[in-house]
Amino acid sequence: MQKNGLGPTLLGLCTALVGFSVMAADDVVIPATAANDRPAPTAAPMPQKYDKVDVINGGADLDEAAAIKRMAPQYKLRVEISGRGGAYQVANRLQLMQRGQPIAEIPDAGPWLLFDVPNGQYTLVGEFAGQQVKRDVTVAGPGTTVHWVLPSNVN
């Protein structure tokens, strides 16, 4: 017993659509290069040893920055360098200091850096266009993320 009178018509329409979609799928030709149209995601740079510290350094392009951000929880000290307007910055040279002594010196550092260091007190010393900028950092617990915004007088 049908209450709305659409039973056979609706069933026939559904059957036709299912048959059509299967038939259409068989007729579709996917070019061999279709899977290669999108570039593969950029992998994060490999850790490099600077003195005794393993460091991930990079992130100048968006894909690499995203890859570094995915790796960030594995590192105790995470640093992002930017200017006042939010644009990423790269230091000509960056030193990670502990107790007044350099423990890592990284050329062309940033805008993202991940340091494999134990908890403790550190100082970041960056050289930007001939100007030196310092930032004290405490690494504690599961780690510390530093959003290092440079003073407006640093280019």
N, C-alpha and C. Protein backbone atom coordinates (compact mmCIF):
# COMPACT_ATOMS: atom_id res chain seq x y z
N MET A 1 0.84 -1.17 0.00
CA MET A 1 0.00 0.00 0.00
C MET A 1 0.89 1.24 0.00
N GLN A 2 0.64 2.15 -0.95
CA GLN A 2 1.42 3.38 -1.06
C GLN A 2 0.59 4.55 -0.58
N LYS A 3 1.21 5.36 0.22
CA LYS A 3 0.49 6.52 0.75
C LYS A 3 0.63 7.73 -0.16
N ASN A 4 1.80 7.90 -0.80
CA ASN A 4 2.00 9.11 -1.59
C ASN A 4 1.98 8.86 -3.09
N GLY A 5 1.95 7.62 -3.52
CA GLY A 5 1.89 7.30 -4.93
C GLY A 5 3.20 7.47 -5.66
N LEU A 6 4.31 7.72 -4.94
CA LEU A 6 5.59 7.93 -5.60
C LEU A 6 6.49 6.71 -5.57
N GLY A 7 6.05 5.64 -4.96
CA GLY A 7 6.90 4.46 -4.78
C GLY A 7 7.55 3.97 -6.06
N PRO A 8 6.81 3.48 -7.04
CA PRO A 8 7.43 2.94 -8.24
C PRO A 8 8.20 4.00 -9.02
N THR A 9 7.69 5.21 -9.08
CA THR A 9 8.36 6.27 -9.84
C THR A 9 9.67 6.64 -9.19
N LEU A 10 9.68 6.82 -7.89
CA LEU A 10 10.89 7.17 -7.16
C LEU A 10 11.91 6.04 -7.25
N LEU A 11 11.46 4.81 -7.11
CA LEU A 11 12.35 3.66 -7.20
C LEU A 11 12.96 3.58 -8.59
N GLY A 12 12.16 3.81 -9.61
CA GLY A 12 12.66 3.78 -10.98
C GLY A 12 13.67 4.88 -11.23
N LEU A 13 13.39 6.07 -10.71
CA LEU A 13 14.31 7.19 -10.87
C LEU A 13 15.65 6.90 -10.19
N CYS A 14 15.62 6.37 -8.96
CA CYS A 14 16.85 6.03 -8.23
C CYS A 14 17.64 4.98 -8.99
N THR A 15 16.96 3.98 -9.49
CA THR A 15 17.63 2.92 -10.25
C THR A 15 18.28 3.50 -11.49
N ALA A 16 17.58 4.38 -12.16
CA ALA A 16 18.13 5.00 -13.37
C ALA A 16 19.35 5.84 -13.04
N LEU A 17 19.29 6.60 -11.96
CA LEU A 17 20.43 7.43 -11.57
C LEU A 17 21.63 6.59 -11.18
N VAL A 18 21.40 5.53 -10.45
CA VAL A 18 22.51 4.64 -10.07
C VAL A 18 23.12 4.05 -11.32
N GLY A 19 22.30 3.57 -12.21
CA GLY A 19 22.81 3.00 -13.46
C GLY A 19 23.55 4.04 -14.28
N PHE A 20 23.03 5.27 -14.31
CA PHE A 20 23.66 6.34 -15.07
C PHE A 20 25.03 6.68 -14.50
N SER A 21 25.12 6.77 -13.15
CA SER A 21 26.39 7.15 -12.55
C SER A 21 27.45 6.09 -12.79
N VAL A 22 27.04 4.81 -12.78
CA VAL A 22 28.01 3.75 -13.05
C VAL A 22 28.44 3.82 -14.50
N MET A 23 27.47 4.02 -15.39
CA MET A 23 27.78 4.08 -16.80
C MET A 23 28.68 5.29 -17.07
N ALA A 24 28.39 6.43 -16.46
CA ALA A 24 29.19 7.62 -16.69
C ALA A 24 30.60 7.43 -16.15
N ALA A 25 30.74 6.76 -15.01
CA ALA A 25 32.07 6.54 -14.44
C ALA A 25 32.91 5.69 -15.36
N ASP A 26 32.29 4.73 -16.08
CA ASP A 26 33.04 3.89 -17.01
C ASP A 26 33.52 4.68 -18.21
N ASP A 27 32.81 5.75 -18.56
CA ASP A 27 33.16 6.52 -19.74
C ASP A 27 34.18 7.62 -19.47
N VAL A 28 34.49 7.87 -18.19
CA VAL A 28 35.40 8.96 -17.84
C VAL A 28 36.84 8.51 -18.07
N VAL A 29 37.60 9.37 -18.73
CA VAL A 29 39.01 9.10 -18.96
C VAL A 29 39.82 10.08 -18.12
N ILE A 30 40.67 9.55 -17.25
CA ILE A 30 41.51 10.40 -16.39
C ILE A 30 42.89 10.43 -17.02
N PRO A 31 43.38 11.63 -17.36
CA PRO A 31 44.71 11.71 -17.96
C PRO A 31 45.78 11.16 -17.01
N ALA A 32 46.81 10.57 -17.58
CA ALA A 32 47.88 9.97 -16.78
C ALA A 32 48.57 11.00 -15.90
N THR A 33 48.57 12.25 -16.29
CA THR A 33 49.27 13.29 -15.52
C THR A 33 48.39 13.92 -14.46
N ALA A 34 47.13 13.52 -14.34
CA ALA A 34 46.21 14.18 -13.41
C ALA A 34 46.72 14.14 -11.97
N ALA A 35 47.30 13.05 -11.55
CA ALA A 35 47.79 12.94 -10.17
C ALA A 35 49.01 13.83 -9.94
N ASN A 36 49.67 14.24 -11.02
CA ASN A 36 50.89 15.03 -10.89
C ASN A 36 50.66 16.51 -11.11
N ASP A 37 49.40 16.92 -11.26
CA ASP A 37 49.12 18.33 -11.51
C ASP A 37 49.44 19.21 -10.31
N ARG A 38 49.28 18.69 -9.10
CA ARG A 38 49.58 19.46 -7.89
C ARG A 38 50.96 19.10 -7.40
N PRO A 39 51.78 20.10 -7.05
CA PRO A 39 53.11 19.77 -6.53
C PRO A 39 52.99 19.08 -5.18
N ALA A 40 53.94 18.21 -4.91
CA ALA A 40 53.98 17.52 -3.63
C ALA A 40 54.23 18.54 -2.52
N PRO A 41 53.68 18.32 -1.32
CA PRO A 41 53.93 19.25 -0.23
C PRO A 41 55.42 19.31 0.08
N THR A 42 55.87 20.49 0.44
CA THR A 42 57.28 20.69 0.77
C THR A 42 57.57 20.05 2.12
N ALA A 43 58.66 19.33 2.18
CA ALA A 43 59.07 18.73 3.45
C ALA A 43 59.86 19.76 4.25
N ALA A 44 59.84 19.60 5.55
CA ALA A 44 60.62 20.48 6.41
C ALA A 44 62.10 20.19 6.17
N PRO A 45 62.94 21.19 6.35
CA PRO A 45 64.37 20.95 6.24
C PRO A 45 64.83 19.93 7.29
N MET A 46 65.88 19.25 6.99
CA MET A 46 66.44 18.29 7.92
C MET A 46 67.18 19.03 9.04
N PRO A 47 67.20 18.45 10.24
CA PRO A 47 67.95 19.10 11.32
C PRO A 47 69.44 19.18 10.97
N GLN A 48 70.03 20.29 11.31
CA GLN A 48 71.47 20.49 11.13
C GLN A 48 72.09 20.67 12.50
N LYS A 49 73.28 20.16 12.69
CA LYS A 49 73.96 20.33 13.97
C LYS A 49 74.82 21.59 13.90
N TYR A 50 74.53 22.53 14.79
CA TYR A 50 75.31 23.75 14.95
C TYR A 50 75.95 23.65 16.32
N ASP A 51 77.27 23.51 16.34
CA ASP A 51 77.99 23.22 17.56
C ASP A 51 77.40 21.92 18.14
N LYS A 52 76.74 21.98 19.29
CA LYS A 52 76.19 20.76 19.90
C LYS A 52 74.67 20.70 19.83
N VAL A 53 74.05 21.63 19.10
CA VAL A 53 72.59 21.74 19.10
C VAL A 53 72.02 21.39 17.72
N ASP A 54 71.02 20.51 17.71
CA ASP A 54 70.29 20.22 16.47
C ASP A 54 69.28 21.33 16.24
N VAL A 55 69.26 21.86 15.01
CA VAL A 55 68.41 23.00 14.68
C VAL A 55 67.72 22.76 13.34
N ILE A 56 66.43 23.06 13.30
CA ILE A 56 65.69 23.15 12.04
C ILE A 56 65.61 24.64 11.73
N ASN A 57 66.00 25.03 10.53
CA ASN A 57 66.05 26.44 10.15
C ASN A 57 65.40 26.60 8.78
N GLY A 58 64.45 27.52 8.67
CA GLY A 58 63.84 27.77 7.37
C GLY A 58 62.45 28.34 7.51
N GLY A 59 61.63 28.04 6.51
CA GLY A 59 60.24 28.48 6.53
C GLY A 59 59.98 29.74 5.74
N ALA A 60 60.86 30.07 4.79
CA ALA A 60 60.66 31.28 4.01
C ALA A 60 59.45 31.17 3.09
N ASP A 61 59.12 29.95 2.63
CA ASP A 61 57.90 29.82 1.83
C ASP A 61 56.82 29.15 2.67
N LEU A 62 55.58 29.34 2.29
CA LEU A 62 54.45 28.89 3.11
C LEU A 62 54.42 27.38 3.33
N ASP A 63 54.76 26.59 2.30
CA ASP A 63 54.74 25.14 2.45
C ASP A 63 55.81 24.68 3.44
N GLU A 64 57.01 25.25 3.34
CA GLU A 64 58.07 24.87 4.26
C GLU A 64 57.73 25.32 5.68
N ALA A 65 57.16 26.51 5.83
CA ALA A 65 56.74 26.99 7.16
C ALA A 65 55.71 26.04 7.76
N ALA A 66 54.75 25.58 6.96
CA ALA A 66 53.74 24.66 7.45
C ALA A 66 54.37 23.34 7.88
N ALA A 67 55.35 22.86 7.12
CA ALA A 67 56.04 21.61 7.48
C ALA A 67 56.81 21.77 8.78
N ILE A 68 57.46 22.92 8.96
CA ILE A 68 58.20 23.17 10.20
C ILE A 68 57.23 23.26 11.38
N LYS A 69 56.10 23.92 11.19
CA LYS A 69 55.11 24.03 12.28
C LYS A 69 54.60 22.66 12.70
N ARG A 70 54.47 21.74 11.74
CA ARG A 70 54.03 20.38 12.10
C ARG A 70 55.07 19.66 12.96
N MET A 71 56.34 19.98 12.76
CA MET A 71 57.42 19.35 13.52
C MET A 71 57.68 20.03 14.86
N ALA A 72 57.17 21.23 15.03
CA ALA A 72 57.50 22.06 16.20
C ALA A 72 57.32 21.38 17.54
N PRO A 73 56.26 20.60 17.77
CA PRO A 73 56.09 20.00 19.10
C PRO A 73 57.23 19.06 19.51
N GLN A 74 58.03 18.62 18.57
CA GLN A 74 59.15 17.72 18.88
C GLN A 74 60.36 18.48 19.43
N TYR A 75 60.32 19.81 19.40
CA TYR A 75 61.46 20.62 19.82
C TYR A 75 61.08 21.50 21.01
N LYS A 76 62.04 21.68 21.92
CA LYS A 76 61.77 22.42 23.16
C LYS A 76 61.75 23.94 22.96
N LEU A 77 62.55 24.45 22.01
CA LEU A 77 62.57 25.89 21.76
C LEU A 77 62.19 26.13 20.31
N ARG A 78 61.10 26.91 20.14
CA ARG A 78 60.55 27.19 18.81
C ARG A 78 60.54 28.71 18.64
N VAL A 79 61.18 29.20 17.59
CA VAL A 79 61.31 30.65 17.40
C VAL A 79 60.76 31.03 16.03
N GLU A 80 59.91 32.06 16.03
CA GLU A 80 59.39 32.66 14.80
C GLU A 80 59.84 34.12 14.81
N ILE A 81 60.51 34.57 13.74
CA ILE A 81 61.03 35.94 13.67
C ILE A 81 60.20 36.74 12.67
N SER A 82 59.71 37.89 13.14
CA SER A 82 58.95 38.77 12.24
C SER A 82 59.22 40.23 12.59
N GLY A 83 58.83 41.09 11.66
CA GLY A 83 58.90 42.53 11.89
C GLY A 83 57.60 43.02 12.49
N ARG A 84 57.53 44.30 12.79
CA ARG A 84 56.34 44.89 13.42
C ARG A 84 55.08 44.69 12.57
N GLY A 85 55.19 44.71 11.25
CA GLY A 85 54.04 44.54 10.37
C GLY A 85 53.63 43.09 10.18
N GLY A 86 54.36 42.15 10.77
CA GLY A 86 54.03 40.74 10.66
C GLY A 86 54.79 40.00 9.58
N ALA A 87 55.55 40.72 8.75
CA ALA A 87 56.33 40.06 7.70
C ALA A 87 57.48 39.27 8.33
N TYR A 88 57.67 38.06 7.84
CA TYR A 88 58.77 37.24 8.34
C TYR A 88 60.11 37.92 8.10
N GLN A 89 61.05 37.68 9.01
CA GLN A 89 62.41 38.23 8.91
C GLN A 89 63.42 37.10 9.03
N VAL A 90 64.57 37.31 8.42
CA VAL A 90 65.67 36.35 8.49
C VAL A 90 66.89 37.09 9.03
N ALA A 91 67.52 36.51 10.04
CA ALA A 91 68.73 37.10 10.60
C ALA A 91 69.93 36.72 9.73
N ASN A 92 70.83 37.68 9.55
CA ASN A 92 72.07 37.36 8.84
C ASN A 92 72.83 36.28 9.61
N ARG A 93 72.71 36.37 10.93
CA ARG A 93 73.36 35.40 11.83
C ARG A 93 72.60 35.41 13.13
N LEU A 94 72.41 34.24 13.72
CA LEU A 94 71.74 34.15 15.01
C LEU A 94 72.56 33.24 15.91
N GLN A 95 72.78 33.70 17.13
CA GLN A 95 73.46 32.88 18.13
C GLN A 95 72.47 32.52 19.22
N LEU A 96 72.55 31.27 19.66
CA LEU A 96 71.84 30.85 20.85
C LEU A 96 72.90 30.76 21.94
N MET A 97 72.69 31.56 22.99
CA MET A 97 73.68 31.66 24.06
C MET A 97 73.11 31.04 25.33
N GLN A 98 74.02 30.47 26.14
CA GLN A 98 73.66 29.99 27.47
C GLN A 98 74.82 30.32 28.40
N ARG A 99 74.49 30.98 29.51
CA ARG A 99 75.49 31.45 30.48
C ARG A 99 76.58 32.27 29.80
N GLY A 100 76.18 33.11 28.85
CA GLY A 100 77.12 34.01 28.17
C GLY A 100 77.96 33.36 27.09
N GLN A 101 77.78 32.08 26.85
CA GLN A 101 78.58 31.37 25.85
C GLN A 101 77.69 30.94 24.67
N PRO A 102 78.18 31.11 23.44
CA PRO A 102 77.38 30.63 22.31
C PRO A 102 77.34 29.10 22.28
N ILE A 103 76.15 28.54 22.13
CA ILE A 103 76.03 27.08 22.02
C ILE A 103 75.58 26.68 20.61
N ALA A 104 75.14 27.65 19.82
CA ALA A 104 74.81 27.41 18.41
C ALA A 104 74.88 28.75 17.68
N GLU A 105 75.45 28.73 16.48
CA GLU A 105 75.50 29.92 15.64
C GLU A 105 74.99 29.53 14.26
N ILE A 106 73.91 30.19 13.83
CA ILE A 106 73.22 29.81 12.61
C ILE A 106 73.27 30.97 11.62
N PRO A 107 73.85 30.76 10.43
CA PRO A 107 73.80 31.80 9.41
C PRO A 107 72.44 31.78 8.72
N ASP A 108 72.02 32.92 8.19
CA ASP A 108 70.74 33.03 7.48
C ASP A 108 69.63 32.32 8.26
N ALA A 109 69.40 32.79 9.46
CA ALA A 109 68.50 32.12 10.42
C ALA A 109 67.08 32.63 10.33
N GLY A 110 66.16 31.70 10.15
CA GLY A 110 64.76 32.04 10.22
C GLY A 110 64.08 31.91 8.87
N PRO A 111 62.85 32.32 8.86
CA PRO A 111 62.10 32.94 9.94
C PRO A 111 61.64 31.97 11.02
N TRP A 112 61.72 30.65 10.76
CA TRP A 112 61.35 29.65 11.78
C TRP A 112 62.59 28.89 12.18
N LEU A 113 62.77 28.72 13.49
CA LEU A 113 63.87 27.92 14.01
C LEU A 113 63.34 27.01 15.11
N LEU A 114 63.78 25.77 15.08
CA LEU A 114 63.44 24.80 16.11
C LEU A 114 64.75 24.31 16.71
N PHE A 115 64.88 24.42 18.03
CA PHE A 115 66.12 24.04 18.72
C PHE A 115 65.86 22.84 19.62
N ASP A 116 66.71 21.85 19.54
CA ASP A 116 66.64 20.69 20.42
C ASP A 116 67.55 20.97 21.62
N VAL A 117 66.99 21.62 22.63
CA VAL A 117 67.75 22.01 23.82
C VAL A 117 66.98 21.58 25.07
N PRO A 118 67.69 21.39 26.19
CA PRO A 118 66.98 21.10 27.44
C PRO A 118 66.38 22.37 28.03
N ASN A 119 65.51 22.19 29.00
CA ASN A 119 64.95 23.34 29.72
C ASN A 119 66.09 24.17 30.29
N GLY A 120 65.89 25.48 30.34
CA GLY A 120 66.92 26.36 30.90
C GLY A 120 66.74 27.78 30.40
N GLN A 121 67.74 28.61 30.75
CA GLN A 121 67.77 30.03 30.38
C GLN A 121 68.68 30.20 29.17
N TYR A 122 68.20 30.94 28.17
CA TYR A 122 68.96 31.16 26.94
C TYR A 122 68.82 32.62 26.52
N THR A 123 69.74 33.05 25.66
CA THR A 123 69.64 34.36 25.02
C THR A 123 69.79 34.16 23.52
N LEU A 124 68.85 34.75 22.77
CA LEU A 124 68.96 34.78 21.32
C LEU A 124 69.62 36.09 20.95
N VAL A 125 70.65 36.04 20.11
CA VAL A 125 71.34 37.24 19.64
C VAL A 125 71.31 37.18 18.12
N GLY A 126 70.55 38.08 17.53
CA GLY A 126 70.42 38.11 16.08
C GLY A 126 71.04 39.34 15.48
N GLU A 127 71.63 39.15 14.31
CA GLU A 127 72.17 40.28 13.55
C GLU A 127 71.28 40.48 12.33
N PHE A 128 70.69 41.65 12.24
CA PHE A 128 69.77 42.00 11.17
C PHE A 128 70.27 43.27 10.50
N ALA A 129 70.75 43.15 9.27
CA ALA A 129 71.25 44.32 8.51
C ALA A 129 72.23 45.14 9.34
N GLY A 130 73.17 44.48 10.00
CA GLY A 130 74.19 45.16 10.77
C GLY A 130 73.78 45.57 12.17
N GLN A 131 72.53 45.37 12.54
CA GLN A 131 72.06 45.71 13.88
C GLN A 131 71.91 44.44 14.71
N GLN A 132 72.35 44.50 15.96
CA GLN A 132 72.24 43.37 16.86
C GLN A 132 71.01 43.51 17.76
N VAL A 133 70.24 42.43 17.85
CA VAL A 133 69.04 42.42 18.69
C VAL A 133 69.13 41.19 19.59
N LYS A 134 68.82 41.39 20.90
CA LYS A 134 68.88 40.29 21.87
C LYS A 134 67.50 40.01 22.43
N ARG A 135 67.32 38.76 22.82
CA ARG A 135 66.06 38.35 23.46
C ARG A 135 66.37 37.23 24.44
N ASP A 136 66.03 37.42 25.71
CA ASP A 136 66.18 36.36 26.71
C ASP A 136 64.98 35.44 26.65
N VAL A 137 65.26 34.14 26.83
CA VAL A 137 64.22 33.11 26.69
C VAL A 137 64.37 32.09 27.81
N THR A 138 63.26 31.68 28.39
CA THR A 138 63.25 30.58 29.34
C THR A 138 62.52 29.41 28.71
N VAL A 139 63.19 28.28 28.62
CA VAL A 139 62.58 27.06 28.09
C VAL A 139 62.18 26.22 29.29
N ALA A 140 60.90 25.88 29.37
CA ALA A 140 60.38 25.13 30.51
C ALA A 140 59.29 24.18 30.06
N GLY A 141 59.01 23.20 30.90
CA GLY A 141 57.90 22.26 30.64
C GLY A 141 58.02 21.59 29.29
N PRO A 142 56.92 21.53 28.55
CA PRO A 142 56.94 20.85 27.25
C PRO A 142 57.65 21.67 26.17
N GLY A 143 58.06 22.88 26.50
CA GLY A 143 58.77 23.70 25.53
C GLY A 143 58.23 25.11 25.50
N THR A 144 58.93 25.95 24.74
CA THR A 144 58.59 27.36 24.68
C THR A 144 58.56 27.81 23.22
N THR A 145 57.52 28.54 22.86
CA THR A 145 57.43 29.15 21.54
C THR A 145 57.65 30.64 21.70
N VAL A 146 58.59 31.18 20.93
CA VAL A 146 58.92 32.60 20.99
C VAL A 146 58.49 33.25 19.68
N HIS A 147 57.59 34.21 19.76
CA HIS A 147 57.22 35.04 18.61
C HIS A 147 58.06 36.30 18.74
N TRP A 148 59.22 36.28 18.09
CA TRP A 148 60.20 37.35 18.23
C TRP A 148 59.88 38.45 17.22
N VAL A 149 59.23 39.51 17.70
CA VAL A 149 58.90 40.65 16.85
C VAL A 149 60.02 41.67 17.01
N LEU A 150 60.66 41.99 15.92
CA LEU A 150 61.80 42.89 15.95
C LEU A 150 61.37 44.34 16.13
N PRO A 151 62.23 45.15 16.75
CA PRO A 151 61.91 46.58 16.90
C PRO A 151 61.74 47.23 15.52
N SER A 152 60.97 48.29 15.47
CA SER A 152 60.66 48.94 14.19
C SER A 152 61.88 49.56 13.52
N ASN A 153 62.95 49.83 14.27
CA ASN A 153 64.15 50.41 13.67
C ASN A 153 65.05 49.36 13.01
N VAL A 154 64.68 48.10 13.10
CA VAL A 154 65.46 47.02 12.47
C VAL A 154 64.85 46.73 11.11
N ASN A 155 65.66 46.78 10.08
CA ASN A 155 65.15 46.54 8.72
C ASN A 155 65.25 45.10 8.36
